[in-house]
Amino acid sequence: MNKFVLVGGVLILLLLVNNTRYYNALETSMPKSAASALDGIQQAEAAGAEVSELIDRLNNAMDLLEQAETSDFRSCNSYDECIQSADKMFVDIANDAAMSKQQTENVKNEELASSVLYAIIVAFVISFLALSLYRLGKQYQMQRFLDMEIREK
């Protein structure tokens, strides 16, 4: 059990460190496009969209910013190239996040509309069956009444 607590603690710590990394970067020198990308991802996730691919791309763009800050150019050749590539990636991520959010909302709206349609159809069928059973019952009572023998005194 202690192993699970330790693993859970490490995972929570990693999550906090990762979130702190993005938060600190947003507060300092991160371009507005990066903040927009992160905000877009958060909104898409809140809408229920799958954002793991967007997060991977955000991490890649953050790596480009880190390369630019440390002058450790692995994926680009200069500071300006790293910043421009990262900025373009952030803009693309923000656009894709907005599109993903919209698609998820459209799917939810379609599901809601189909649920309402099914509910209306079910209500109609139940009403029709109830009315048919009522009429059938009345018809049975009428036939039973007509089939009764009349007794004379």
N, C-alpha and C. Protein backbone atom coordinates (compact mmCIF):
# COMPACT_ATOMS: atom_id res chain seq x y z
N MET A 1 0.82 -1.19 0.00
CA MET A 1 0.00 0.00 0.00
C MET A 1 0.87 1.26 0.00
N ASN A 2 2.00 1.21 0.69
CA ASN A 2 2.89 2.36 0.72
C ASN A 2 3.45 2.68 -0.66
N LYS A 3 3.62 1.63 -1.49
CA LYS A 3 4.11 1.86 -2.85
C LYS A 3 3.10 2.67 -3.65
N PHE A 4 1.80 2.37 -3.46
CA PHE A 4 0.77 3.10 -4.18
C PHE A 4 0.71 4.55 -3.73
N VAL A 5 0.88 4.78 -2.45
CA VAL A 5 0.88 6.14 -1.94
C VAL A 5 2.08 6.89 -2.49
N LEU A 6 3.23 6.23 -2.53
CA LEU A 6 4.44 6.85 -3.05
C LEU A 6 4.29 7.18 -4.54
N VAL A 7 3.77 6.22 -5.31
CA VAL A 7 3.57 6.44 -6.74
C VAL A 7 2.55 7.56 -6.96
N GLY A 8 1.47 7.55 -6.20
CA GLY A 8 0.46 8.61 -6.32
C GLY A 8 1.04 9.97 -5.98
N GLY A 9 1.86 10.01 -4.93
CA GLY A 9 2.50 11.27 -4.54
C GLY A 9 3.43 11.79 -5.62
N VAL A 10 4.19 10.88 -6.23
CA VAL A 10 5.11 11.27 -7.30
C VAL A 10 4.32 11.79 -8.50
N LEU A 11 3.22 11.12 -8.85
CA LEU A 11 2.41 11.57 -9.98
C LEU A 11 1.82 12.95 -9.72
N ILE A 12 1.33 13.17 -8.51
CA ILE A 12 0.77 14.48 -8.17
C ILE A 12 1.86 15.55 -8.21
N LEU A 13 3.04 15.21 -7.71
CA LEU A 13 4.16 16.15 -7.74
C LEU A 13 4.54 16.50 -9.18
N LEU A 14 4.60 15.49 -10.04
CA LEU A 14 4.92 15.75 -11.45
C LEU A 14 3.86 16.63 -12.10
N LEU A 15 2.60 16.37 -11.78
CA LEU A 15 1.52 17.19 -12.33
C LEU A 15 1.65 18.63 -11.86
N LEU A 16 1.93 18.82 -10.59
CA LEU A 16 2.09 20.17 -10.05
C LEU A 16 3.29 20.88 -10.67
N VAL A 17 4.40 20.15 -10.82
CA VAL A 17 5.59 20.75 -11.41
C VAL A 17 5.31 21.14 -12.85
N ASN A 18 4.64 20.26 -13.58
CA ASN A 18 4.33 20.55 -14.98
C ASN A 18 3.41 21.77 -15.09
N ASN A 19 2.37 21.82 -14.26
CA ASN A 19 1.46 22.98 -14.29
C ASN A 19 2.19 24.25 -13.86
N THR A 20 3.08 24.14 -12.88
CA THR A 20 3.84 25.30 -12.43
C THR A 20 4.75 25.80 -13.54
N ARG A 21 5.30 24.87 -14.30
CA ARG A 21 6.17 25.25 -15.42
C ARG A 21 5.40 26.13 -16.40
N TYR A 22 4.19 25.70 -16.77
CA TYR A 22 3.40 26.48 -17.71
C TYR A 22 2.95 27.79 -17.09
N TYR A 23 2.56 27.76 -15.83
CA TYR A 23 2.09 28.97 -15.17
C TYR A 23 3.21 30.00 -15.07
N ASN A 24 4.38 29.55 -14.65
CA ASN A 24 5.52 30.47 -14.54
C ASN A 24 5.92 31.01 -15.90
N ALA A 25 5.88 30.16 -16.90
CA ALA A 25 6.24 30.60 -18.25
C ALA A 25 5.24 31.64 -18.74
N LEU A 26 3.97 31.44 -18.42
CA LEU A 26 2.96 32.41 -18.84
C LEU A 26 3.18 33.76 -18.17
N GLU A 27 3.62 33.73 -16.91
CA GLU A 27 3.81 34.98 -16.18
C GLU A 27 5.04 35.74 -16.66
N THR A 28 6.02 35.04 -17.20
CA THR A 28 7.28 35.70 -17.54
C THR A 28 7.33 36.07 -19.01
N SER A 29 8.07 35.30 -19.78
CA SER A 29 8.39 35.74 -21.13
C SER A 29 7.63 35.00 -22.22
N MET A 30 6.60 34.29 -21.88
CA MET A 30 5.88 33.53 -22.90
C MET A 30 5.08 34.47 -23.80
N PRO A 31 5.13 34.23 -25.09
CA PRO A 31 4.36 35.08 -26.01
C PRO A 31 2.85 34.93 -25.76
N LYS A 32 2.12 35.94 -26.20
CA LYS A 32 0.67 35.90 -26.03
C LYS A 32 0.06 34.72 -26.76
N SER A 33 0.67 34.31 -27.87
CA SER A 33 0.15 33.17 -28.62
C SER A 33 0.22 31.90 -27.79
N ALA A 34 1.23 31.79 -26.92
CA ALA A 34 1.35 30.61 -26.06
C ALA A 34 0.23 30.61 -25.02
N ALA A 35 -0.04 31.77 -24.46
CA ALA A 35 -1.13 31.86 -23.49
C ALA A 35 -2.46 31.55 -24.17
N SER A 36 -2.61 32.01 -25.39
CA SER A 36 -3.82 31.72 -26.15
C SER A 36 -3.95 30.23 -26.44
N ALA A 37 -2.84 29.59 -26.77
CA ALA A 37 -2.86 28.15 -27.04
C ALA A 37 -3.23 27.37 -25.78
N LEU A 38 -2.62 27.73 -24.67
CA LEU A 38 -2.92 27.05 -23.41
C LEU A 38 -4.37 27.26 -23.01
N ASP A 39 -4.85 28.48 -23.16
CA ASP A 39 -6.24 28.78 -22.85
C ASP A 39 -7.18 27.99 -23.76
N GLY A 40 -6.83 27.91 -25.04
CA GLY A 40 -7.65 27.14 -25.98
C GLY A 40 -7.71 25.67 -25.62
N ILE A 41 -6.57 25.12 -25.21
CA ILE A 41 -6.53 23.71 -24.80
C ILE A 41 -7.41 23.50 -23.57
N GLN A 42 -7.32 24.40 -22.62
CA GLN A 42 -8.13 24.28 -21.41
C GLN A 42 -9.61 24.36 -21.73
N GLN A 43 -9.98 25.26 -22.62
CA GLN A 43 -11.39 25.38 -23.01
C GLN A 43 -11.87 24.14 -23.76
N ALA A 44 -11.03 23.62 -24.64
CA ALA A 44 -11.39 22.42 -25.40
C ALA A 44 -11.55 21.24 -24.46
N GLU A 45 -10.66 21.13 -23.49
CA GLU A 45 -10.76 20.04 -22.53
C GLU A 45 -12.01 20.18 -21.67
N ALA A 46 -12.32 21.41 -21.28
CA ALA A 46 -13.53 21.65 -20.49
C ALA A 46 -14.78 21.29 -21.28
N ALA A 47 -14.72 21.44 -22.60
CA ALA A 47 -15.86 21.09 -23.44
C ALA A 47 -15.94 19.58 -23.67
N GLY A 48 -14.88 18.86 -23.28
CA GLY A 48 -14.90 17.41 -23.42
C GLY A 48 -14.11 16.88 -24.60
N ALA A 49 -13.34 17.73 -25.23
CA ALA A 49 -12.56 17.30 -26.40
C ALA A 49 -11.31 16.54 -25.95
N GLU A 50 -10.82 15.70 -26.83
CA GLU A 50 -9.57 14.98 -26.60
C GLU A 50 -8.42 15.94 -26.92
N VAL A 51 -7.60 16.23 -25.93
CA VAL A 51 -6.56 17.25 -26.11
C VAL A 51 -5.15 16.72 -25.96
N SER A 52 -4.97 15.42 -25.88
CA SER A 52 -3.63 14.88 -25.65
C SER A 52 -2.66 15.25 -26.78
N GLU A 53 -3.13 15.21 -28.01
CA GLU A 53 -2.27 15.57 -29.14
C GLU A 53 -1.93 17.06 -29.09
N LEU A 54 -2.87 17.88 -28.68
CA LEU A 54 -2.61 19.31 -28.56
C LEU A 54 -1.59 19.59 -27.46
N ILE A 55 -1.69 18.83 -26.38
CA ILE A 55 -0.74 19.01 -25.28
C ILE A 55 0.67 18.60 -25.71
N ASP A 56 0.76 17.52 -26.49
CA ASP A 56 2.07 17.11 -27.01
C ASP A 56 2.67 18.21 -27.88
N ARG A 57 1.84 18.79 -28.73
CA ARG A 57 2.32 19.88 -29.59
C ARG A 57 2.71 21.10 -28.76
N LEU A 58 1.94 21.38 -27.70
CA LEU A 58 2.28 22.49 -26.82
C LEU A 58 3.63 22.24 -26.14
N ASN A 59 3.85 21.01 -25.73
CA ASN A 59 5.15 20.68 -25.12
C ASN A 59 6.29 20.87 -26.11
N ASN A 60 6.06 20.49 -27.36
CA ASN A 60 7.10 20.70 -28.39
C ASN A 60 7.39 22.18 -28.59
N ALA A 61 6.34 22.99 -28.61
CA ALA A 61 6.53 24.43 -28.77
C ALA A 61 7.24 25.02 -27.55
N MET A 62 6.88 24.52 -26.37
CA MET A 62 7.55 24.99 -25.15
C MET A 62 9.04 24.61 -25.19
N ASP A 63 9.33 23.45 -25.75
CA ASP A 63 10.72 23.03 -25.89
C ASP A 63 11.48 23.99 -26.81
N LEU A 64 10.82 24.44 -27.87
CA LEU A 64 11.47 25.42 -28.75
C LEU A 64 11.77 26.72 -28.00
N LEU A 65 10.83 27.15 -27.16
CA LEU A 65 11.08 28.36 -26.36
C LEU A 65 12.25 28.14 -25.41
N GLU A 66 12.30 26.96 -24.83
CA GLU A 66 13.40 26.66 -23.91
C GLU A 66 14.73 26.64 -24.66
N GLN A 67 14.74 26.09 -25.87
CA GLN A 67 15.96 26.10 -26.68
C GLN A 67 16.40 27.53 -26.98
N ALA A 68 15.43 28.38 -27.26
CA ALA A 68 15.76 29.78 -27.55
C ALA A 68 16.32 30.47 -26.31
N GLU A 69 15.72 30.21 -25.15
CA GLU A 69 16.17 30.85 -23.91
C GLU A 69 17.56 30.39 -23.49
N THR A 70 17.85 29.10 -23.71
CA THR A 70 19.14 28.55 -23.26
C THR A 70 20.19 28.55 -24.37
N SER A 71 19.82 28.98 -25.56
CA SER A 71 20.71 28.97 -26.73
C SER A 71 21.24 27.57 -27.02
N ASP A 72 20.42 26.58 -26.70
CA ASP A 72 20.76 25.18 -26.99
C ASP A 72 19.91 24.76 -28.19
N PHE A 73 20.36 25.12 -29.38
CA PHE A 73 19.56 24.95 -30.59
C PHE A 73 19.67 23.52 -31.11
N ARG A 74 18.67 22.71 -30.80
CA ARG A 74 18.62 21.33 -31.29
C ARG A 74 17.64 21.21 -32.46
N SER A 75 16.53 21.92 -32.38
CA SER A 75 15.49 21.82 -33.41
C SER A 75 15.45 23.05 -34.32
N CYS A 76 16.23 24.03 -34.00
CA CYS A 76 16.26 25.26 -34.80
C CYS A 76 17.69 25.80 -34.80
N ASN A 77 17.92 26.80 -35.64
CA ASN A 77 19.29 27.28 -35.83
C ASN A 77 19.62 28.57 -35.09
N SER A 78 18.58 29.32 -34.70
CA SER A 78 18.85 30.59 -34.03
C SER A 78 17.71 30.92 -33.07
N TYR A 79 17.96 31.93 -32.26
CA TYR A 79 16.95 32.38 -31.30
C TYR A 79 15.67 32.79 -32.03
N ASP A 80 15.82 33.61 -33.06
CA ASP A 80 14.65 34.10 -33.79
C ASP A 80 13.88 32.97 -34.46
N GLU A 81 14.60 32.02 -35.02
CA GLU A 81 13.94 30.89 -35.68
C GLU A 81 13.16 30.05 -34.66
N CYS A 82 13.74 29.83 -33.50
CA CYS A 82 13.04 29.07 -32.45
C CYS A 82 11.78 29.80 -32.01
N ILE A 83 11.90 31.10 -31.78
CA ILE A 83 10.75 31.89 -31.32
C ILE A 83 9.66 31.91 -32.39
N GLN A 84 10.05 32.10 -33.65
CA GLN A 84 9.06 32.14 -34.73
C GLN A 84 8.37 30.79 -34.91
N SER A 85 9.15 29.72 -34.84
CA SER A 85 8.56 28.38 -34.98
C SER A 85 7.61 28.09 -33.82
N ALA A 86 8.03 28.45 -32.62
CA ALA A 86 7.18 28.22 -31.45
C ALA A 86 5.90 29.05 -31.56
N ASP A 87 6.05 30.31 -31.98
CA ASP A 87 4.88 31.18 -32.10
C ASP A 87 3.89 30.63 -33.13
N LYS A 88 4.41 30.15 -34.25
CA LYS A 88 3.53 29.55 -35.28
C LYS A 88 2.84 28.31 -34.72
N MET A 89 3.59 27.51 -33.98
CA MET A 89 2.99 26.31 -33.38
C MET A 89 1.89 26.69 -32.39
N PHE A 90 2.13 27.72 -31.59
CA PHE A 90 1.13 28.16 -30.62
C PHE A 90 -0.15 28.63 -31.31
N VAL A 91 0.02 29.39 -32.39
CA VAL A 91 -1.15 29.87 -33.14
C VAL A 91 -1.92 28.69 -33.73
N ASP A 92 -1.20 27.73 -34.30
CA ASP A 92 -1.85 26.54 -34.86
C ASP A 92 -2.57 25.74 -33.77
N ILE A 93 -1.94 25.62 -32.62
CA ILE A 93 -2.55 24.89 -31.51
C ILE A 93 -3.82 25.59 -31.05
N ALA A 94 -3.77 26.91 -30.93
CA ALA A 94 -4.95 27.67 -30.51
C ALA A 94 -6.09 27.48 -31.51
N ASN A 95 -5.76 27.53 -32.79
CA ASN A 95 -6.80 27.33 -33.82
C ASN A 95 -7.37 25.91 -33.77
N ASP A 96 -6.49 24.93 -33.64
CA ASP A 96 -6.95 23.54 -33.59
C ASP A 96 -7.76 23.27 -32.32
N ALA A 97 -7.38 23.90 -31.23
CA ALA A 97 -8.13 23.74 -29.98
C ALA A 97 -9.53 24.32 -30.12
N ALA A 98 -9.62 25.49 -30.75
CA ALA A 98 -10.94 26.10 -30.96
C ALA A 98 -11.80 25.22 -31.87
N MET A 99 -11.18 24.66 -32.90
CA MET A 99 -11.91 23.78 -33.81
C MET A 99 -12.36 22.50 -33.09
N SER A 100 -11.48 21.95 -32.28
CA SER A 100 -11.81 20.74 -31.53
C SER A 100 -12.94 21.01 -30.54
N LYS A 101 -12.88 22.15 -29.89
CA LYS A 101 -13.95 22.53 -28.96
C LYS A 101 -15.28 22.66 -29.69
N GLN A 102 -15.26 23.31 -30.85
CA GLN A 102 -16.49 23.50 -31.62
C GLN A 102 -17.05 22.16 -32.09
N GLN A 103 -16.17 21.27 -32.55
CA GLN A 103 -16.63 19.96 -33.01
C GLN A 103 -17.25 19.17 -31.86
N THR A 104 -16.63 19.24 -30.70
CA THR A 104 -17.17 18.53 -29.53
C THR A 104 -18.52 19.10 -29.14
N GLU A 105 -18.65 20.41 -29.18
CA GLU A 105 -19.94 21.03 -28.85
C GLU A 105 -21.00 20.65 -29.89
N ASN A 106 -20.60 20.57 -31.16
CA ASN A 106 -21.55 20.16 -32.21
C ASN A 106 -22.03 18.73 -31.98
N VAL A 107 -21.10 17.85 -31.62
CA VAL A 107 -21.47 16.46 -31.36
C VAL A 107 -22.43 16.38 -30.18
N LYS A 108 -22.14 17.15 -29.13
CA LYS A 108 -23.02 17.16 -27.96
C LYS A 108 -24.41 17.68 -28.32
N ASN A 109 -24.46 18.73 -29.15
CA ASN A 109 -25.75 19.27 -29.57
C ASN A 109 -26.53 18.27 -30.41
N GLU A 110 -25.83 17.55 -31.29
CA GLU A 110 -26.49 16.53 -32.11
C GLU A 110 -27.02 15.40 -31.23
N GLU A 111 -26.24 15.01 -30.23
CA GLU A 111 -26.68 13.96 -29.32
C GLU A 111 -27.91 14.42 -28.53
N LEU A 112 -27.90 15.67 -28.11
CA LEU A 112 -29.04 16.21 -27.38
C LEU A 112 -30.28 16.24 -28.26
N ALA A 113 -30.11 16.69 -29.51
CA ALA A 113 -31.24 16.75 -30.43
C ALA A 113 -31.80 15.36 -30.70
N SER A 114 -30.92 14.39 -30.89
CA SER A 114 -31.41 13.03 -31.15
C SER A 114 -32.06 12.45 -29.90
N SER A 115 -31.56 12.78 -28.72
CA SER A 115 -32.20 12.31 -27.48
C SER A 115 -33.60 12.89 -27.34
N VAL A 116 -33.74 14.16 -27.65
CA VAL A 116 -35.06 14.80 -27.57
C VAL A 116 -36.00 14.16 -28.59
N LEU A 117 -35.49 13.90 -29.79
CA LEU A 117 -36.31 13.26 -30.82
C LEU A 117 -36.75 11.87 -30.37
N TYR A 118 -35.83 11.10 -29.81
CA TYR A 118 -36.19 9.76 -29.31
C TYR A 118 -37.22 9.86 -28.19
N ALA A 119 -37.07 10.83 -27.32
CA ALA A 119 -38.02 11.00 -26.22
C ALA A 119 -39.41 11.32 -26.77
N ILE A 120 -39.47 12.16 -27.79
CA ILE A 120 -40.76 12.50 -28.39
C ILE A 120 -41.39 11.27 -29.04
N ILE A 121 -40.58 10.50 -29.75
CA ILE A 121 -41.09 9.29 -30.41
C ILE A 121 -41.59 8.29 -29.37
N VAL A 122 -40.82 8.09 -28.31
CA VAL A 122 -41.23 7.16 -27.26
C VAL A 122 -42.52 7.64 -26.60
N ALA A 123 -42.62 8.93 -26.33
CA ALA A 123 -43.85 9.47 -25.73
C ALA A 123 -45.04 9.26 -26.66
N PHE A 124 -44.85 9.46 -27.95
CA PHE A 124 -45.93 9.24 -28.91
C PHE A 124 -46.35 7.77 -28.93
N VAL A 125 -45.38 6.87 -28.96
CA VAL A 125 -45.69 5.44 -29.00
C VAL A 125 -46.42 5.02 -27.73
N ILE A 126 -45.96 5.49 -26.58
CA ILE A 126 -46.61 5.14 -25.32
C ILE A 126 -48.03 5.70 -25.29
N SER A 127 -48.20 6.93 -25.74
CA SER A 127 -49.55 7.52 -25.79
C SER A 127 -50.45 6.74 -26.73
N PHE A 128 -49.93 6.37 -27.88
CA PHE A 128 -50.71 5.60 -28.85
C PHE A 128 -51.10 4.25 -28.27
N LEU A 129 -50.16 3.58 -27.62
CA LEU A 129 -50.46 2.28 -27.01
C LEU A 129 -51.48 2.41 -25.89
N ALA A 130 -51.33 3.44 -25.07
CA ALA A 130 -52.28 3.65 -23.97
C ALA A 130 -53.68 3.91 -24.52
N LEU A 131 -53.78 4.75 -25.53
CA LEU A 131 -55.08 5.03 -26.14
C LEU A 131 -55.67 3.79 -26.80
N SER A 132 -54.83 3.03 -27.48
CA SER A 132 -55.31 1.80 -28.12
C SER A 132 -55.79 0.80 -27.09
N LEU A 133 -55.05 0.64 -26.01
CA LEU A 133 -55.47 -0.29 -24.95
C LEU A 133 -56.76 0.19 -24.29
N TYR A 134 -56.90 1.48 -24.10
CA TYR A 134 -58.12 2.02 -23.51
C TYR A 134 -59.31 1.73 -24.42
N ARG A 135 -59.14 2.00 -25.72
CA ARG A 135 -60.24 1.75 -26.67
C ARG A 135 -60.55 0.26 -26.76
N LEU A 136 -59.52 -0.57 -26.72
CA LEU A 136 -59.73 -2.01 -26.76
C LEU A 136 -60.50 -2.47 -25.52
N GLY A 137 -60.15 -1.92 -24.38
CA GLY A 137 -60.87 -2.25 -23.14
C GLY A 137 -62.32 -1.82 -23.20
N LYS A 138 -62.57 -0.62 -23.69
CA LYS A 138 -63.95 -0.13 -23.82
C LYS A 138 -64.73 -0.98 -24.82
N GLN A 139 -64.07 -1.36 -25.89
CA GLN A 139 -64.73 -2.20 -26.90
C GLN A 139 -65.08 -3.57 -26.29
N TYR A 140 -64.19 -4.11 -25.48
CA TYR A 140 -64.44 -5.39 -24.83
C TYR A 140 -65.62 -5.26 -23.87
N GLN A 141 -65.65 -4.17 -23.10
CA GLN A 141 -66.78 -3.96 -22.18
C GLN A 141 -68.09 -3.82 -22.94
N MET A 142 -68.07 -3.11 -24.05
CA MET A 142 -69.29 -2.93 -24.84
C MET A 142 -69.74 -4.28 -25.41
N GLN A 143 -68.83 -5.07 -25.92
CA GLN A 143 -69.18 -6.37 -26.47
C GLN A 143 -69.73 -7.28 -25.38
N ARG A 144 -69.14 -7.23 -24.22
CA ARG A 144 -69.61 -8.04 -23.10
C ARG A 144 -71.01 -7.61 -22.69
N PHE A 145 -71.24 -6.31 -22.69
CA PHE A 145 -72.57 -5.80 -22.35
C PHE A 145 -73.60 -6.26 -23.38
N LEU A 146 -73.23 -6.20 -24.65
CA LEU A 146 -74.16 -6.60 -25.70
C LEU A 146 -74.41 -8.11 -25.71
N ASP A 147 -73.46 -8.88 -25.26
CA ASP A 147 -73.60 -10.34 -25.24
C ASP A 147 -74.37 -10.84 -24.01
N MET A 148 -74.67 -9.97 -23.10
CA MET A 148 -75.40 -10.39 -21.90
C MET A 148 -76.82 -10.81 -22.27
N GLU A 149 -77.32 -11.77 -21.56
CA GLU A 149 -78.70 -12.21 -21.79
C GLU A 149 -79.64 -11.32 -21.00
N ILE A 150 -80.74 -11.07 -21.61
CA ILE A 150 -81.76 -10.28 -20.93
C ILE A 150 -82.73 -11.26 -20.29
N ARG A 151 -82.94 -11.14 -19.03
CA ARG A 151 -83.85 -12.03 -18.32
C ARG A 151 -85.18 -11.32 -18.08
N GLU A 152 -86.21 -12.04 -18.31
CA GLU A 152 -87.54 -11.46 -18.08
C GLU A 152 -88.05 -11.93 -16.73
N LYS A 153 -88.83 -11.12 -16.09
CA LYS A 153 -89.42 -11.47 -14.80
C LYS A 153 -90.76 -12.07 -14.96
